[in-house]
């Protein structure tokens, strides 16, 4: 490369740097500062909503919308530094809208499902739900996904489309719940005595509600036992403690009353046929 060619190359590089260098540096600065400002806006909106006693279910969603809206403004500002007209940008986005929609079909589905979850409110933060094939307490309903926490403290992130597009079971929707027990006793036991013991156990526990009344009835004549159903109602917060305690008491007090809880068993009849020993 001769001296004149080298000088032309240097002049070209200097020209490009002088033309675009400041824009590139400015764009990087705007991106960094804009992202920081967007984060501050998100946390500020979240704190303001908390002070305003807004439902905790809405706070992550609304603050997330503010964050992404701020990032969109930052992106437009960066493009403006390079001389791109915003009207041209809108035209480009409109032209590419279909392609982007197809490429982000899953993401847009999650977003729209998140909006529908907040509109119809099938559950809120703190509820225990079975949704999207998972069970746990709701920690956060985000723009694209919902965060659940299992009883053994595992975080589960479920896409909103999987939740809204399926069956939702809200275990915490009501203040009371019904425990369903199946108690099997021997065919030799006095059924009236068994029912009396079961009734006494339920009546002696203060967590069992008087209304609705406890249901105790013979439900099935099974292969190895006579099965009673016992259905006491309690406060939702007492469901599991009551279930554990009553299960233990049913066994102990039925046995103390002379009743038995049989094991599954079968009667086997062996028929022996005489053999012909004749030669």
Protein backbone atom coordinates (compact mmCIF):
# COMPACT_ATOMS: atom_id res chain seq x y z
CA UNK A 1 0.00 0.00 0.00
CA UNK A 2 1.50 3.30 -1.07
CA UNK A 3 1.54 6.44 1.04
CA UNK A 4 -1.40 8.07 -0.73
CA UNK A 5 -3.63 4.99 -0.25
CA UNK A 6 -2.74 4.79 3.42
CA UNK A 7 -3.54 8.44 3.85
CA UNK A 8 -6.91 7.97 2.15
CA UNK A 9 -7.71 5.06 4.50
CA UNK A 10 -6.75 7.11 7.54
CA UNK A 11 -8.83 10.01 6.30
CA UNK A 12 -11.83 7.67 5.80
CA UNK A 13 -11.51 6.25 9.31
CA UNK A 14 -11.16 9.71 10.80
CA UNK A 15 -14.21 10.83 8.86
CA UNK A 16 -16.30 7.91 10.09
CA UNK A 17 -15.18 8.43 13.69
CA UNK A 18 -15.88 12.14 13.53
CA UNK A 19 -19.27 11.48 11.93
CA UNK A 20 -20.50 8.58 14.07
CA UNK A 21 -18.19 8.45 17.07
CA UNK A 22 -20.12 10.92 19.18
CA UNK A 23 -23.42 9.29 18.24
CA UNK A 24 -22.17 5.85 19.25
CA UNK A 25 -20.79 7.13 22.55
CA UNK A 26 -23.99 9.07 23.17
CA UNK A 27 -26.13 6.02 22.32
CA UNK A 28 -24.20 3.84 24.78
CA UNK A 29 -24.54 6.51 27.47
CA UNK A 30 -28.27 6.88 26.81
CA UNK A 31 -28.75 3.10 27.00
CA UNK A 32 -26.89 2.79 30.30
CA UNK A 33 -28.52 5.81 31.91
CA UNK A 34 -31.94 4.97 30.44
CA UNK A 35 -31.87 1.43 31.80
CA UNK A 36 -30.88 2.77 35.23
CA UNK A 37 -33.71 5.33 35.12
CA UNK A 38 -36.19 2.65 34.01
CA UNK A 39 -35.18 0.50 36.98
CA UNK A 40 -35.60 3.43 39.36
CA UNK A 41 -39.01 4.20 37.86
CA UNK A 42 -40.06 0.58 38.32
CA UNK A 43 -39.06 0.49 42.00
CA UNK A 44 -40.54 3.95 42.59
CA UNK A 45 -43.89 2.98 41.06
CA UNK A 46 -43.91 -0.24 43.09
CA UNK A 47 -43.30 1.66 46.35
CA UNK A 48 -45.94 4.25 45.47
CA UNK A 49 -48.50 1.54 44.77
CA UNK A 50 -47.64 -0.18 48.07
CA UNK A 51 -48.13 3.08 49.97
CA UNK A 52 -51.42 3.57 48.14
CA UNK A 53 -52.67 0.19 49.42
CA UNK A 54 -53.02 -1.16 45.89
CA UNK A 55 -53.69 -4.89 45.70
CA UNK A 56 -50.37 -6.75 45.86
CA UNK A 57 -51.43 -8.77 42.83
CA UNK A 58 -51.33 -5.66 40.60
CA UNK A 59 -48.05 -4.14 41.78
CA UNK A 60 -45.55 -6.37 39.88
CA UNK A 61 -47.62 -6.18 36.70
CA UNK A 62 -48.04 -2.39 36.68
CA UNK A 63 -44.44 -1.66 37.69
CA UNK A 64 -43.27 -4.05 34.95
CA UNK A 65 -45.32 -2.19 32.37
CA UNK A 66 -43.72 1.10 33.44
CA UNK A 67 -40.26 -0.46 33.15
CA UNK A 68 -40.77 -1.75 29.61
CA UNK A 69 -42.45 1.48 28.51
CA UNK A 70 -39.43 3.45 29.76
CA UNK A 71 -37.09 1.12 27.87
CA UNK A 72 -39.13 1.71 24.70
CA UNK A 73 -38.66 5.47 25.12
CA UNK A 74 -34.91 4.95 25.62
CA UNK A 75 -34.72 2.88 22.42
CA UNK A 76 -36.51 5.58 20.42
CA UNK A 77 -34.12 8.19 21.85
CA UNK A 78 -31.11 6.09 20.82
CA UNK A 79 -32.42 5.71 17.30
CA UNK A 80 -33.00 9.46 17.18
CA UNK A 81 -29.29 10.03 17.86
CA UNK A 82 -28.53 8.30 14.59
CA UNK A 83 -30.95 10.51 12.67
CA UNK A 84 -33.72 7.94 12.33
CA UNK A 85 -37.11 9.66 12.21
CA UNK A 86 -39.67 8.29 14.66
CA UNK A 87 -42.31 8.41 11.93
CA UNK A 88 -40.10 6.11 9.88
CA UNK A 89 -39.68 3.89 12.90
CA UNK A 90 -43.44 3.59 13.30
CA UNK A 91 -43.77 2.68 9.64
CA UNK A 92 -41.07 0.02 9.97
CA UNK A 93 -42.69 -1.41 13.09
CA UNK A 94 -46.07 -1.51 11.37
CA UNK A 95 -44.56 -3.32 8.38
CA UNK A 96 -42.71 -5.81 10.59
CA UNK A 97 -45.60 -6.23 13.04
CA UNK A 98 -46.87 -9.47 11.55
CA UNK A 99 -43.43 -11.09 11.47
CA UNK A 100 -42.65 -9.99 15.01
CA UNK A 101 -46.05 -11.21 16.19
CA UNK A 102 -45.42 -14.64 14.71
CA UNK A 103 -41.91 -14.80 16.13
CA UNK A 104 -43.08 -13.77 19.59
CA UNK A 105 -46.33 -15.71 19.54
CA UNK A 106 -45.62 -17.50 22.82
CA UNK A 107 -44.46 -14.32 24.55
CA UNK A 108 -47.48 -12.33 23.39
CA UNK A 109 -49.76 -15.17 24.50
CA UNK A 110 -48.19 -15.06 27.96
CA UNK A 111 -48.62 -11.27 28.09
CA UNK A 112 -52.29 -11.36 27.05
CA UNK A 113 -52.93 -14.19 29.51
CA UNK A 114 -51.35 -12.11 32.26
CA UNK A 115 -53.69 -9.24 31.44
CA UNK A 116 -56.68 -11.60 31.56
CA UNK A 117 -55.57 -13.02 34.91
CA UNK A 118 -55.49 -9.51 36.35
CA UNK A 119 -58.86 -8.61 34.84
CA UNK A 120 -60.78 -11.72 35.94
CA UNK A 121 -58.78 -12.27 39.16
CA UNK A 122 -59.23 -16.06 39.60
CA UNK A 123 -56.63 -15.81 42.37
CA UNK A 124 -54.42 -13.25 44.07
CA UNK A 125 -51.03 -13.12 45.77
CA UNK A 126 -51.01 -15.37 48.84
CA UNK A 127 -53.61 -17.84 47.55
CA UNK A 128 -52.74 -21.53 47.31
CA UNK A 129 -53.64 -22.74 43.82
CA UNK A 130 -53.25 -25.62 41.42
CA UNK A 131 -52.64 -24.06 38.01
CA UNK A 132 -50.66 -25.02 34.95
CA UNK A 133 -50.14 -28.47 36.45
CA UNK A 134 -48.38 -27.07 39.54
CA UNK A 135 -49.51 -26.44 43.13
CA UNK A 136 -48.21 -23.73 45.45
CA UNK A 137 -48.85 -20.36 47.01
CA UNK A 138 -48.87 -17.39 44.62
CA UNK A 139 -45.84 -15.14 45.13
CA UNK A 140 -46.15 -12.88 42.09
CA UNK A 141 -48.27 -12.47 38.96
CA UNK A 142 -45.90 -11.01 36.40
CA UNK A 143 -46.31 -9.77 32.85
CA UNK A 144 -45.27 -13.07 31.29
CA UNK A 145 -45.30 -15.63 34.10
CA UNK A 146 -46.61 -16.37 37.59
CA UNK A 147 -44.32 -17.40 40.44
CA UNK A 148 -45.49 -20.09 42.87
CA UNK A 149 -43.86 -21.36 46.06
CA UNK A 150 -44.40 -24.96 47.09
CA UNK A 151 -44.89 -26.03 50.75
CA UNK A 152 -41.30 -27.35 50.74
CA UNK A 153 -40.03 -23.91 49.65
CA UNK A 154 -39.36 -24.53 45.96
CA UNK A 155 -39.95 -21.72 43.47
CA UNK A 156 -41.96 -22.63 40.36
CA UNK A 157 -42.28 -20.23 37.42
CA UNK A 158 -45.35 -21.01 35.31
CA UNK A 159 -46.07 -19.25 31.97
CA UNK A 160 -49.28 -17.25 32.16
CA UNK A 161 -50.66 -18.90 29.02
CA UNK A 162 -50.39 -22.33 30.69
CA UNK A 163 -52.41 -21.01 33.64
CA UNK A 164 -55.15 -19.07 31.88
CA UNK A 165 -55.57 -21.71 29.20
CA UNK A 166 -56.18 -24.52 31.70
CA UNK A 167 -58.12 -25.40 34.82
CA UNK A 168 -57.40 -23.28 37.90
CA UNK A 169 -58.10 -24.70 41.35
CA UNK A 170 -58.02 -21.98 44.02
CA UNK A 171 -57.61 -23.83 47.30
CA UNK A 172 -57.69 -20.59 49.33
CA UNK A 173 -60.81 -19.12 47.72
CA UNK A 174 -63.06 -19.79 50.73
CA UNK A 175 -62.59 -19.45 54.47
CA UNK A 176 -63.71 -23.00 55.27
CA UNK A 177 -62.81 -26.46 53.95
CA UNK A 178 -64.11 -29.99 54.40
CA UNK A 179 -61.92 -32.91 55.37
CA UNK A 180 -62.94 -36.22 53.81
CA UNK A 181 -62.00 -39.41 55.69
CA UNK A 182 -62.75 -43.02 54.83
CA UNK A 183 -62.60 -45.24 57.94
CA UNK A 184 -62.82 -49.00 57.49
CA UNK A 185 -63.91 -51.28 60.36
CA UNK A 186 -64.45 -55.00 60.69
CA UNK A 187 -67.70 -56.68 59.65
CA UNK A 188 -67.86 -58.04 63.22
CA UNK A 189 -67.90 -54.56 64.82
CA UNK A 190 -71.05 -52.86 66.12
CA UNK A 191 -71.72 -50.14 63.55
CA UNK A 192 -73.69 -48.01 66.01
CA UNK A 193 -70.75 -48.08 68.44
CA UNK A 194 -68.32 -47.15 65.67
CA UNK A 195 -70.50 -44.22 64.64
CA UNK A 196 -70.73 -43.07 68.25
CA UNK A 197 -66.94 -43.09 68.64
CA UNK A 198 -66.43 -41.16 65.41
CA UNK A 199 -69.06 -38.61 66.41
CA UNK A 200 -67.47 -38.18 69.85
CA UNK A 201 -64.00 -37.60 68.35
CA UNK A 202 -65.24 -34.90 66.00
CA UNK A 203 -67.38 -33.19 68.65
CA UNK A 204 -64.46 -33.01 71.09
CA UNK A 205 -62.21 -31.05 68.70
CA UNK A 206 -62.83 -27.28 68.83
CA UNK A 207 -61.52 -26.85 65.28
CA UNK A 208 -64.45 -28.81 63.86
CA UNK A 209 -67.25 -26.37 62.93
CA UNK A 210 -70.78 -26.89 64.17
CA UNK A 211 -72.14 -25.67 60.84
CA UNK A 212 -72.10 -27.28 58.37
CA UNK A 213 -72.67 -30.36 60.49
CA UNK A 214 -70.30 -33.32 60.39
CA UNK A 215 -71.39 -36.10 58.03
CA UNK A 216 -70.84 -39.63 59.36
CA UNK A 217 -72.35 -42.49 57.38
CA UNK A 218 -71.79 -46.02 56.14
CA UNK A 219 -70.63 -45.55 52.56
CA UNK A 220 -69.49 -48.94 51.34
CA UNK A 221 -69.49 -52.64 52.10
CA UNK A 222 -65.98 -53.32 50.85
CA UNK A 223 -64.16 -56.61 50.40
CA UNK A 224 -62.49 -56.58 53.82
CA UNK A 225 -64.21 -53.80 55.74
CA UNK A 226 -67.30 -51.70 56.30
CA UNK A 227 -66.30 -48.20 55.24
CA UNK A 228 -67.55 -45.07 57.00
CA UNK A 229 -67.20 -41.58 55.53
CA UNK A 230 -66.41 -38.83 58.04
CA UNK A 231 -66.61 -35.28 56.73
CA UNK A 232 -65.92 -32.52 59.28
CA UNK A 233 -65.71 -28.86 58.28
CA UNK A 234 -63.05 -26.49 59.61
CA UNK A 235 -61.35 -23.16 58.94
CA UNK A 236 -59.11 -23.33 55.89
CA UNK A 237 -56.03 -22.64 58.04
CA UNK A 238 -56.85 -25.67 60.23
CA UNK A 239 -57.25 -28.13 57.36
CA UNK A 240 -53.95 -30.02 57.57
CA UNK A 241 -53.40 -29.86 61.37
CA UNK A 242 -56.95 -31.17 61.91
CA UNK A 243 -56.51 -33.90 59.31
CA UNK A 244 -53.31 -35.18 60.89
CA UNK A 245 -54.73 -35.14 64.44
CA UNK A 246 -58.04 -36.79 63.58
CA UNK A 247 -56.37 -39.55 61.57
CA UNK A 248 -54.36 -40.54 64.63
CA UNK A 249 -57.30 -40.25 67.01
CA UNK A 250 -59.59 -42.36 64.81
CA UNK A 251 -57.19 -45.29 65.00
CA UNK A 252 -56.34 -44.99 68.68
CA UNK A 253 -59.88 -44.42 70.01
CA UNK A 254 -61.55 -47.00 67.78
CA UNK A 255 -59.09 -49.62 68.99
CA UNK A 256 -59.60 -48.47 72.61
CA UNK A 257 -63.36 -48.99 72.13
CA UNK A 258 -62.77 -52.58 70.99
CA UNK A 259 -63.24 -51.93 67.29
CA UNK A 260 -60.76 -53.09 64.70
CA UNK A 261 -59.44 -51.63 61.47
CA UNK A 262 -58.90 -54.72 59.31
CA UNK A 263 -56.13 -55.37 56.84
CA UNK A 264 -57.12 -56.27 53.29
CA UNK A 265 -57.55 -60.04 53.21
CA UNK A 266 -58.77 -62.82 50.98
CA UNK A 267 -60.17 -66.25 51.78
CA UNK A 268 -58.45 -68.98 49.80
CA UNK A 269 -60.27 -72.31 49.48
CA UNK A 270 -58.12 -75.33 48.50
CA UNK A 271 -60.01 -78.24 46.97
CA UNK A 272 -58.10 -81.49 47.08
CA UNK A 273 -59.17 -84.16 44.64
CA UNK A 274 -58.52 -87.84 45.21
CA UNK A 275 -56.05 -89.39 42.79
CA UNK A 276 -56.41 -92.79 41.19
CA UNK A 277 -53.65 -95.00 42.60
CA UNK A 278 -54.69 -97.97 40.58
CA UNK A 279 -51.88 -99.57 38.61
